[in-house]
């Protein structure tokens, strides 16, 4: 049921966003063996070691696509923006341009390192 809902989320996107998001979906799920995908708030979320890492979303009204990083407040990458949030920072996705995988890798590596550090402290 959840897998069908996740698939429906992607299949119901406009064509350009659908292609981009399906690529992002595979990229995120395969980036690290500890990353898992879940549907939360009708949006695909990606967890790292069962902790919230990020989500991808498209806003139909604003036509904006982005990856929201849950602990973005603690991430230093200058490609991340608050956009009115207090904890989540966003990485804007321009669906009609090639993804800058070097930027995305740097952000993901920083977010994962932050999660590992946070998990280590909680032990």
Protein backbone atom coordinates (compact mmCIF):
# COMPACT_ATOMS: atom_id res chain seq x y z
CA UNK A 1 0.00 0.00 0.00
CA UNK A 2 2.72 2.51 0.97
CA UNK A 3 4.81 1.55 -2.09
CA UNK A 4 1.78 2.18 -4.32
CA UNK A 5 1.22 5.56 -2.67
CA UNK A 6 4.88 6.46 -3.20
CA UNK A 7 4.70 5.40 -6.83
CA UNK A 8 1.50 7.40 -7.28
CA UNK A 9 3.18 10.51 -5.86
CA UNK A 10 5.81 10.34 -8.60
CA UNK A 11 3.45 9.31 -11.38
CA UNK A 12 1.08 12.21 -10.65
CA UNK A 13 3.78 14.88 -11.08
CA UNK A 14 3.99 16.98 -14.26
CA UNK A 15 6.21 15.25 -16.85
CA UNK A 16 9.41 17.30 -16.35
CA UNK A 17 9.20 17.01 -12.56
CA UNK A 18 8.33 13.33 -12.80
CA UNK A 19 11.48 12.48 -14.74
CA UNK A 20 13.67 14.56 -12.44
CA UNK A 21 12.09 13.23 -9.25
CA UNK A 22 12.26 9.60 -10.36
CA UNK A 23 15.98 10.09 -10.95
CA UNK A 24 16.35 11.78 -7.54
CA UNK A 25 14.40 8.97 -5.92
CA UNK A 26 16.79 6.33 -7.22
CA UNK A 27 19.79 8.51 -6.46
CA UNK A 28 18.78 9.06 -2.84
CA UNK A 29 17.76 5.44 -2.21
CA UNK A 30 21.08 4.19 -3.61
CA UNK A 31 23.30 6.89 -2.12
CA UNK A 32 23.88 5.02 1.11
CA UNK A 33 22.80 1.56 2.26
CA UNK A 34 21.24 3.09 5.42
CA UNK A 35 18.88 5.41 3.48
CA UNK A 36 15.28 4.27 3.27
CA UNK A 37 12.22 5.81 1.64
CA UNK A 38 8.90 6.45 3.39
CA UNK A 39 5.72 8.34 2.62
CA UNK A 40 5.03 11.02 5.24
CA UNK A 41 2.56 13.88 4.87
CA UNK A 42 1.93 12.63 1.30
CA UNK A 43 5.54 13.39 0.36
CA UNK A 44 8.50 11.02 -0.16
CA UNK A 45 10.82 11.26 2.82
CA UNK A 46 14.27 9.72 3.09
CA UNK A 47 15.53 8.45 6.41
CA UNK A 48 19.10 7.72 7.41
CA UNK A 49 19.44 5.03 10.08
CA UNK A 50 15.71 5.47 10.79
CA UNK A 51 16.09 9.23 11.40
CA UNK A 52 14.57 11.94 9.18
CA UNK A 53 17.13 13.08 6.61
CA UNK A 54 15.33 14.86 3.77
CA UNK A 55 12.30 14.94 1.50
CA UNK A 56 11.64 15.91 -2.10
CA UNK A 57 8.65 17.95 -3.09
CA UNK A 58 7.03 19.95 -5.87
CA UNK A 59 4.72 22.87 -5.13
CA UNK A 60 2.14 23.10 -7.90
CA UNK A 61 1.19 26.70 -7.08
CA UNK A 62 4.72 28.10 -7.13
CA UNK A 63 6.10 25.52 -9.60
CA UNK A 64 9.10 25.06 -7.27
CA UNK A 65 10.87 21.78 -6.69
CA UNK A 66 13.33 21.21 -3.89
CA UNK A 67 14.91 18.82 -1.43
CA UNK A 68 14.22 19.81 2.17
CA UNK A 69 16.94 18.82 4.63
CA UNK A 70 15.43 18.23 8.07
CA UNK A 71 18.43 19.37 10.13
CA UNK A 72 19.29 22.06 7.60
CA UNK A 73 19.72 24.63 10.35
CA UNK A 74 22.91 22.81 11.34
CA UNK A 75 24.26 22.41 7.80
CA UNK A 76 26.72 25.00 6.48
CA UNK A 77 26.47 24.46 2.71
CA UNK A 78 25.77 27.81 1.03
CA UNK A 79 23.51 26.19 -1.59
CA UNK A 80 20.91 25.56 1.13
CA UNK A 81 18.29 28.22 1.92
CA UNK A 82 15.82 28.62 4.79
CA UNK A 83 12.90 29.94 2.68
CA UNK A 84 10.79 30.80 5.73
CA UNK A 85 11.56 27.68 7.75
CA UNK A 86 13.30 27.57 11.11
CA UNK A 87 14.90 24.11 10.96
CA UNK A 88 14.58 22.84 7.38
CA UNK A 89 16.82 24.23 4.66
CA UNK A 90 15.99 23.73 1.01
CA UNK A 91 18.10 22.79 -1.97
CA UNK A 92 16.32 24.11 -5.06
CA UNK A 93 15.95 21.73 -7.98
CA UNK A 94 15.67 23.19 -11.47
CA UNK A 95 13.99 20.32 -13.28
CA UNK A 96 14.88 21.54 -16.76
CA UNK A 97 18.60 21.67 -15.98
CA UNK A 98 21.06 18.90 -15.20
CA UNK A 99 21.37 18.23 -11.49
CA UNK A 100 24.65 19.34 -10.00
CA UNK A 101 25.55 15.98 -8.45
CA UNK A 102 28.76 17.34 -6.96
CA UNK A 103 26.73 19.91 -4.97
CA UNK A 104 24.12 17.34 -3.99
CA UNK A 105 26.79 14.85 -2.86
CA UNK A 106 28.45 17.52 -0.72
CA UNK A 107 25.13 18.36 0.95
CA UNK A 108 24.20 14.69 1.48
CA UNK A 109 27.63 13.90 2.91
CA UNK A 110 27.34 16.83 5.32
CA UNK A 111 23.79 15.85 6.34
CA UNK A 112 24.81 12.21 6.90
CA UNK A 113 27.89 13.25 8.89
CA UNK A 114 25.69 15.48 11.05
CA UNK A 115 23.24 12.59 11.65
CA UNK A 116 26.11 10.23 12.55
CA UNK A 117 27.52 12.79 14.99
CA UNK A 118 24.07 13.31 16.54
CA UNK A 119 23.47 9.54 16.81
CA UNK A 120 26.89 9.01 18.37
CA UNK A 121 26.13 11.63 21.04
CA UNK A 122 22.87 9.91 21.94
CA UNK A 123 24.62 6.63 22.79
